[in-house]
Amino acid sequence: MLSTRLVSMVLAVGLVLVLQGCAETSTQRMINANDHNGLAQYYTQQAQELREKAKRWETTAEYYDKHSEPHGKTEPKQHAAHCRAIAQNTLKAADEADALAQEHRAMHPHGMIQ
């Protein structure tokens, strides 16, 4: 009975350790490894994806502009304004991701000669 509990505890601890290892994101691994090139590529990709999302939000806003029939309690113009605000915030996030990518491109590991 004691050995069964011990085996169960060891398995539970092992599972927790495995899950913690899996919880580390790819960006965390790149940060830990000083992989600035990888981080620059990651942030560049994020910026591109965010810009694509912003375009979809802008398209949704245009839809509400063209279809002015009411949708529930909110007027179409309010929906369009809301979608445009999301698009603008998403573009701002894309700009921030671009800035992070640029910062990482400028970083070199200590001791490296350019």
Protein backbone atom coordinates (compact mmCIF):
# COMPACT_ATOMS: atom_id res chain seq x y z
CA MET A 1 0.00 0.00 0.00
CA LEU A 2 2.84 2.38 0.86
CA SER A 3 4.62 1.53 -2.38
CA THR A 4 1.45 2.27 -4.37
CA ARG A 5 1.20 5.71 -2.74
CA LEU A 6 4.88 6.36 -3.36
CA VAL A 7 4.57 5.40 -7.03
CA SER A 8 1.46 7.58 -7.36
CA MET A 9 3.25 10.55 -5.77
CA VAL A 10 6.31 10.10 -7.99
CA LEU A 11 4.09 9.93 -11.08
CA ALA A 12 2.15 13.02 -9.98
CA VAL A 13 5.36 14.99 -9.36
CA GLY A 14 6.73 13.83 -12.71
CA LEU A 15 3.56 14.92 -14.47
CA VAL A 16 3.73 18.35 -12.85
CA LEU A 17 7.35 18.75 -13.94
CA VAL A 18 6.54 17.68 -17.50
CA LEU A 19 3.60 20.10 -17.68
CA GLN A 20 5.73 22.94 -16.35
CA GLY A 21 8.30 22.21 -19.03
CA CYS A 22 5.60 22.27 -21.68
CA ALA A 23 4.24 25.54 -20.30
CA GLU A 24 7.39 27.36 -21.37
CA THR A 25 6.50 29.16 -24.58
CA SER A 26 8.69 29.38 -27.63
CA THR A 27 9.27 33.07 -26.91
CA GLN A 28 10.41 32.22 -23.38
CA ARG A 29 12.87 29.69 -24.80
CA MET A 30 14.18 32.27 -27.28
CA ILE A 31 14.57 34.85 -24.52
CA ASN A 32 16.40 32.35 -22.32
CA ALA A 33 18.69 31.45 -25.23
CA ASN A 34 19.30 35.10 -26.23
CA ASP A 35 17.92 34.21 -29.67
CA HIS A 36 17.36 37.77 -30.85
CA ASN A 37 17.06 36.74 -34.50
CA GLY A 38 14.30 34.27 -33.61
CA LEU A 39 12.53 36.90 -31.52
CA ALA A 40 12.78 39.44 -34.34
CA GLN A 41 11.20 36.94 -36.73
CA TYR A 42 8.49 36.10 -34.19
CA TYR A 43 7.54 39.74 -33.63
CA THR A 44 7.61 40.44 -37.38
CA GLN A 45 5.20 37.55 -37.92
CA GLN A 46 2.98 38.79 -35.08
CA ALA A 47 2.89 42.27 -36.64
CA GLN A 48 1.84 40.81 -39.98
CA GLU A 49 -0.93 38.74 -38.39
CA LEU A 50 -2.16 41.74 -36.42
CA ARG A 51 -2.32 43.85 -39.59
CA GLU A 52 -4.37 41.14 -41.28
CA LYS A 53 -6.77 41.11 -38.31
CA ALA A 54 -7.04 44.90 -38.47
CA LYS A 55 -8.01 44.64 -42.15
CA ARG A 56 -10.75 42.15 -41.26
CA TRP A 57 -12.09 44.52 -38.59
CA GLU A 58 -12.06 47.39 -41.08
CA THR A 59 -13.94 45.21 -43.58
CA THR A 60 -16.52 44.46 -40.90
CA ALA A 61 -16.88 48.19 -40.22
CA GLU A 62 -17.45 48.79 -43.92
CA TYR A 63 -20.15 46.12 -43.90
CA TYR A 64 -21.98 47.94 -41.09
CA ASP A 65 -21.63 51.22 -43.02
CA LYS A 66 -23.24 49.66 -46.11
CA HIS A 67 -25.98 47.77 -44.26
CA SER A 68 -27.68 50.39 -42.15
CA GLU A 69 -30.55 48.25 -40.85
CA PRO A 70 -30.57 48.09 -37.02
CA HIS A 71 -28.98 45.07 -35.31
CA GLY A 72 -30.47 44.84 -31.85
CA LYS A 73 -29.97 47.74 -29.44
CA THR A 74 -26.84 49.08 -31.14
CA GLU A 75 -27.08 51.13 -34.31
CA PRO A 76 -24.95 50.09 -37.31
CA LYS A 77 -22.88 53.29 -37.08
CA GLN A 78 -21.99 52.37 -33.50
CA HIS A 79 -21.02 48.87 -34.63
CA ALA A 80 -18.87 50.35 -37.39
CA ALA A 81 -17.18 52.75 -34.97
CA HIS A 82 -16.52 49.92 -32.54
CA CYS A 83 -14.96 47.78 -35.29
CA ARG A 84 -12.79 50.69 -36.44
CA ALA A 85 -11.60 51.25 -32.86
CA ILE A 86 -10.60 47.58 -32.65
CA ALA A 87 -8.83 47.89 -36.01
CA GLN A 88 -6.90 50.95 -34.79
CA ASN A 89 -5.90 49.23 -31.54
CA THR A 90 -4.81 46.17 -33.49
CA LEU A 91 -2.70 48.34 -35.81
CA LYS A 92 -1.12 49.95 -32.77
CA ALA A 93 -0.24 46.50 -31.43
CA ALA A 94 1.26 45.64 -34.84
CA ASP A 95 3.41 48.77 -34.69
CA GLU A 96 4.57 47.78 -31.20
CA ALA A 97 5.44 44.28 -32.44
CA ASP A 98 7.42 45.86 -35.31
CA ALA A 99 9.30 48.00 -32.78
CA LEU A 100 10.13 44.92 -30.71
CA ALA A 101 11.35 43.13 -33.83
CA GLN A 102 13.56 46.09 -34.70
CA GLU A 103 14.99 46.18 -31.17
CA HIS A 104 15.87 42.48 -31.32
CA ARG A 105 17.45 42.86 -34.76
CA ALA A 106 19.73 45.49 -33.24
CA MET A 107 20.80 43.22 -30.36
CA HIS A 108 23.88 41.05 -30.58
CA PRO A 109 25.00 38.47 -28.04
CA HIS A 110 27.74 39.66 -25.71
CA GLY A 111 31.21 39.10 -27.10
CA MET A 112 30.14 38.95 -30.73
CA ILE A 113 31.91 41.19 -33.22
CA GLN A 114 29.77 42.73 -35.92
